[in-house]
Amino acid sequence: MIELGQLLRQNREAKELSLADVEAQTRIRQRYLAALEAGDWSELPNEVVARGFLPTYTRSLGLDPSALLGQFGLGGEST
């Protein structure tokens, strides 16, 4: 099964976006975006912040955050 970070990176690259492009769009620092793509949660400020970054990042790539995060057992967005 493909990992979430790999899926994020593949979608970003398919849209020909750099981490800098996504940072400008989401206001999430490149180092945190890279950590999400690498699946390295230890590089993120904390788990709560990381879970907040994921819907923002997935939305910026045109993906459905609830469906995608649910697929990886991370739950959907709370509304």
N, C-alpha and C. Protein backbone atom coordinates (compact mmCIF):
# COMPACT_ATOMS: atom_id res chain seq x y z
N MET A 1 0.84 -1.19 0.00
CA MET A 1 0.00 0.00 0.00
C MET A 1 0.88 1.25 0.00
N ILE A 2 0.50 2.22 -0.77
CA ILE A 2 1.25 3.48 -0.85
C ILE A 2 1.09 4.25 0.47
N GLU A 3 2.16 4.87 0.89
CA GLU A 3 2.14 5.66 2.13
C GLU A 3 1.55 7.04 1.84
N LEU A 4 0.99 7.66 2.87
CA LEU A 4 0.37 8.97 2.73
C LEU A 4 1.38 10.00 2.22
N GLY A 5 2.57 10.04 2.81
CA GLY A 5 3.58 11.01 2.39
C GLY A 5 3.96 10.85 0.93
N GLN A 6 4.09 9.61 0.50
CA GLN A 6 4.43 9.34 -0.90
C GLN A 6 3.31 9.81 -1.81
N LEU A 7 2.07 9.60 -1.41
CA LEU A 7 0.93 10.06 -2.19
C LEU A 7 0.91 11.59 -2.29
N LEU A 8 1.20 12.26 -1.18
CA LEU A 8 1.25 13.72 -1.19
C LEU A 8 2.34 14.22 -2.15
N ARG A 9 3.52 13.63 -2.04
CA ARG A 9 4.63 14.04 -2.91
C ARG A 9 4.31 13.79 -4.38
N GLN A 10 3.76 12.63 -4.69
CA GLN A 10 3.42 12.31 -6.07
C GLN A 10 2.40 13.29 -6.64
N ASN A 11 1.39 13.64 -5.84
CA ASN A 11 0.39 14.59 -6.30
C ASN A 11 0.98 15.98 -6.49
N ARG A 12 1.86 16.38 -5.56
CA ARG A 12 2.50 17.70 -5.69
C ARG A 12 3.35 17.75 -6.95
N GLU A 13 4.16 16.71 -7.16
CA GLU A 13 5.03 16.68 -8.33
C GLU A 13 4.23 16.59 -9.62
N ALA A 14 3.11 15.87 -9.62
CA ALA A 14 2.26 15.77 -10.81
C ALA A 14 1.70 17.13 -11.20
N LYS A 15 1.50 17.99 -10.21
CA LYS A 15 1.00 19.35 -10.46
C LYS A 15 2.15 20.32 -10.73
N GLU A 16 3.36 19.77 -10.76
CA GLU A 16 4.57 20.57 -11.00
C GLU A 16 4.71 21.70 -9.99
N LEU A 17 4.45 21.39 -8.74
CA LEU A 17 4.58 22.35 -7.65
C LEU A 17 5.82 22.02 -6.83
N SER A 18 6.55 23.04 -6.44
CA SER A 18 7.68 22.86 -5.53
C SER A 18 7.16 22.99 -4.10
N LEU A 19 7.99 22.61 -3.16
CA LEU A 19 7.61 22.82 -1.76
C LEU A 19 7.42 24.31 -1.48
N ALA A 20 8.22 25.14 -2.15
CA ALA A 20 8.08 26.59 -1.98
C ALA A 20 6.72 27.07 -2.48
N ASP A 21 6.24 26.50 -3.59
CA ASP A 21 4.92 26.86 -4.11
C ASP A 21 3.83 26.52 -3.10
N VAL A 22 3.93 25.32 -2.53
CA VAL A 22 2.92 24.88 -1.57
C VAL A 22 3.02 25.71 -0.28
N GLU A 23 4.24 26.04 0.13
CA GLU A 23 4.41 26.88 1.31
C GLU A 23 3.71 28.23 1.10
N ALA A 24 3.89 28.82 -0.06
CA ALA A 24 3.27 30.11 -0.35
C ALA A 24 1.74 30.01 -0.32
N GLN A 25 1.23 28.88 -0.77
CA GLN A 25 -0.21 28.69 -0.84
C GLN A 25 -0.81 28.36 0.52
N THR A 26 -0.12 27.56 1.31
CA THR A 26 -0.68 27.05 2.56
C THR A 26 -0.17 27.75 3.81
N ARG A 27 0.98 28.41 3.68
CA ARG A 27 1.67 29.04 4.81
C ARG A 27 2.26 28.00 5.77
N ILE A 28 2.40 26.76 5.29
CA ILE A 28 3.07 25.71 6.06
C ILE A 28 4.52 25.70 5.61
N ARG A 29 5.45 25.80 6.54
CA ARG A 29 6.87 25.85 6.18
C ARG A 29 7.29 24.61 5.39
N GLN A 30 8.23 24.84 4.47
CA GLN A 30 8.72 23.76 3.61
C GLN A 30 9.26 22.58 4.42
N ARG A 31 9.93 22.86 5.50
CA ARG A 31 10.50 21.76 6.29
C ARG A 31 9.41 20.86 6.86
N TYR A 32 8.25 21.43 7.19
CA TYR A 32 7.14 20.63 7.68
C TYR A 32 6.46 19.87 6.55
N LEU A 33 6.35 20.51 5.39
CA LEU A 33 5.80 19.81 4.23
C LEU A 33 6.68 18.62 3.86
N ALA A 34 7.98 18.83 3.87
CA ALA A 34 8.92 17.75 3.57
C ALA A 34 8.80 16.63 4.60
N ALA A 35 8.61 16.99 5.87
CA ALA A 35 8.45 15.98 6.92
C ALA A 35 7.17 15.18 6.70
N LEU A 36 6.08 15.84 6.31
CA LEU A 36 4.84 15.13 6.01
C LEU A 36 5.05 14.15 4.87
N GLU A 37 5.73 14.60 3.82
CA GLU A 37 5.99 13.74 2.67
C GLU A 37 6.89 12.56 3.03
N ALA A 38 7.79 12.78 3.96
CA ALA A 38 8.72 11.72 4.37
C ALA A 38 8.10 10.82 5.44
N GLY A 39 6.93 11.22 5.96
CA GLY A 39 6.32 10.46 7.04
C GLY A 39 7.09 10.57 8.34
N ASP A 40 7.83 11.66 8.49
CA ASP A 40 8.67 11.87 9.67
C ASP A 40 7.97 12.83 10.63
N TRP A 41 7.05 12.29 11.41
CA TRP A 41 6.25 13.12 12.31
C TRP A 41 7.09 13.71 13.43
N SER A 42 8.27 13.16 13.69
CA SER A 42 9.12 13.70 14.75
C SER A 42 9.66 15.08 14.40
N GLU A 43 9.65 15.43 13.13
CA GLU A 43 10.13 16.75 12.68
C GLU A 43 9.04 17.82 12.78
N LEU A 44 7.82 17.40 13.09
CA LEU A 44 6.70 18.34 13.19
C LEU A 44 6.57 18.83 14.62
N PRO A 45 6.00 20.02 14.82
CA PRO A 45 5.93 20.59 16.18
C PRO A 45 5.27 19.64 17.19
N ASN A 46 4.15 19.05 16.84
CA ASN A 46 3.48 18.05 17.66
C ASN A 46 2.39 17.39 16.82
N GLU A 47 1.79 16.35 17.36
CA GLU A 47 0.81 15.59 16.58
C GLU A 47 -0.43 16.40 16.23
N VAL A 48 -0.87 17.25 17.15
CA VAL A 48 -2.06 18.06 16.90
C VAL A 48 -1.81 19.01 15.72
N VAL A 49 -0.67 19.64 15.71
CA VAL A 49 -0.32 20.54 14.62
C VAL A 49 -0.21 19.75 13.31
N ALA A 50 0.43 18.60 13.38
CA ALA A 50 0.58 17.76 12.18
C ALA A 50 -0.78 17.39 11.61
N ARG A 51 -1.71 17.01 12.46
CA ARG A 51 -3.05 16.66 11.99
C ARG A 51 -3.78 17.87 11.41
N GLY A 52 -3.42 19.06 11.85
CA GLY A 52 -3.98 20.28 11.27
C GLY A 52 -3.36 20.59 9.91
N PHE A 53 -2.08 20.29 9.77
CA PHE A 53 -1.40 20.52 8.49
C PHE A 53 -1.95 19.64 7.38
N LEU A 54 -2.26 18.39 7.70
CA LEU A 54 -2.65 17.43 6.66
C LEU A 54 -3.86 17.86 5.83
N PRO A 55 -4.98 18.29 6.44
CA PRO A 55 -6.10 18.72 5.61
C PRO A 55 -5.76 19.94 4.74
N THR A 56 -4.98 20.85 5.31
CA THR A 56 -4.59 22.04 4.56
C THR A 56 -3.75 21.65 3.35
N TYR A 57 -2.79 20.77 3.56
CA TYR A 57 -1.91 20.33 2.48
C TYR A 57 -2.70 19.55 1.43
N THR A 58 -3.53 18.60 1.86
CA THR A 58 -4.28 17.81 0.89
C THR A 58 -5.23 18.69 0.07
N ARG A 59 -5.88 19.64 0.71
CA ARG A 59 -6.78 20.55 0.00
C ARG A 59 -6.03 21.37 -1.04
N SER A 60 -4.81 21.79 -0.69
CA SER A 60 -4.02 22.61 -1.62
C SER A 60 -3.66 21.83 -2.88
N LEU A 61 -3.66 20.49 -2.77
CA LEU A 61 -3.35 19.64 -3.92
C LEU A 61 -4.61 19.23 -4.68
N GLY A 62 -5.77 19.73 -4.23
CA GLY A 62 -7.02 19.41 -4.89
C GLY A 62 -7.57 18.05 -4.49
N LEU A 63 -7.10 17.53 -3.35
CA LEU A 63 -7.56 16.23 -2.87
C LEU A 63 -8.63 16.44 -1.80
N ASP A 64 -9.46 15.42 -1.58
CA ASP A 64 -10.50 15.46 -0.55
C ASP A 64 -9.88 15.03 0.78
N PRO A 65 -9.70 15.96 1.71
CA PRO A 65 -9.04 15.62 2.97
C PRO A 65 -9.74 14.52 3.75
N SER A 66 -11.06 14.58 3.85
CA SER A 66 -11.79 13.59 4.65
C SER A 66 -11.60 12.18 4.10
N ALA A 67 -11.75 12.03 2.80
CA ALA A 67 -11.61 10.70 2.18
C ALA A 67 -10.18 10.20 2.29
N LEU A 68 -9.23 11.07 2.00
CA LEU A 68 -7.83 10.66 2.00
C LEU A 68 -7.35 10.31 3.40
N LEU A 69 -7.65 11.14 4.36
CA LEU A 69 -7.18 10.89 5.72
C LEU A 69 -7.91 9.70 6.33
N GLY A 70 -9.17 9.53 5.96
CA GLY A 70 -9.91 8.35 6.42
C GLY A 70 -9.29 7.07 5.87
N GLN A 71 -8.83 7.12 4.63
CA GLN A 71 -8.21 5.97 3.99
C GLN A 71 -6.96 5.53 4.75
N PHE A 72 -6.27 6.49 5.35
CA PHE A 72 -5.03 6.18 6.07
C PHE A 72 -5.25 6.09 7.58
N GLY A 73 -6.52 6.04 8.00
CA GLY A 73 -6.83 5.86 9.42
C GLY A 73 -6.51 7.07 10.28
N LEU A 74 -6.49 8.24 9.66
CA LEU A 74 -6.19 9.46 10.42
C LEU A 74 -7.45 10.27 10.69
N GLY A 75 -8.59 9.75 10.28
CA GLY A 75 -9.85 10.46 10.50
C GLY A 75 -10.00 11.62 9.56
N GLY A 76 -11.20 12.13 9.47
CA GLY A 76 -11.49 13.27 8.61
C GLY A 76 -11.36 14.55 9.39
N GLU A 77 -11.76 15.61 8.73
CA GLU A 77 -11.75 16.92 9.39
C GLU A 77 -12.93 17.01 10.34
N SER A 78 -12.73 17.74 11.41
CA SER A 78 -13.87 18.02 12.27
C SER A 78 -14.45 19.35 11.83
N THR A 79 -15.77 19.39 11.74
CA THR A 79 -16.42 20.62 11.29
C THR A 79 -17.33 21.15 12.33
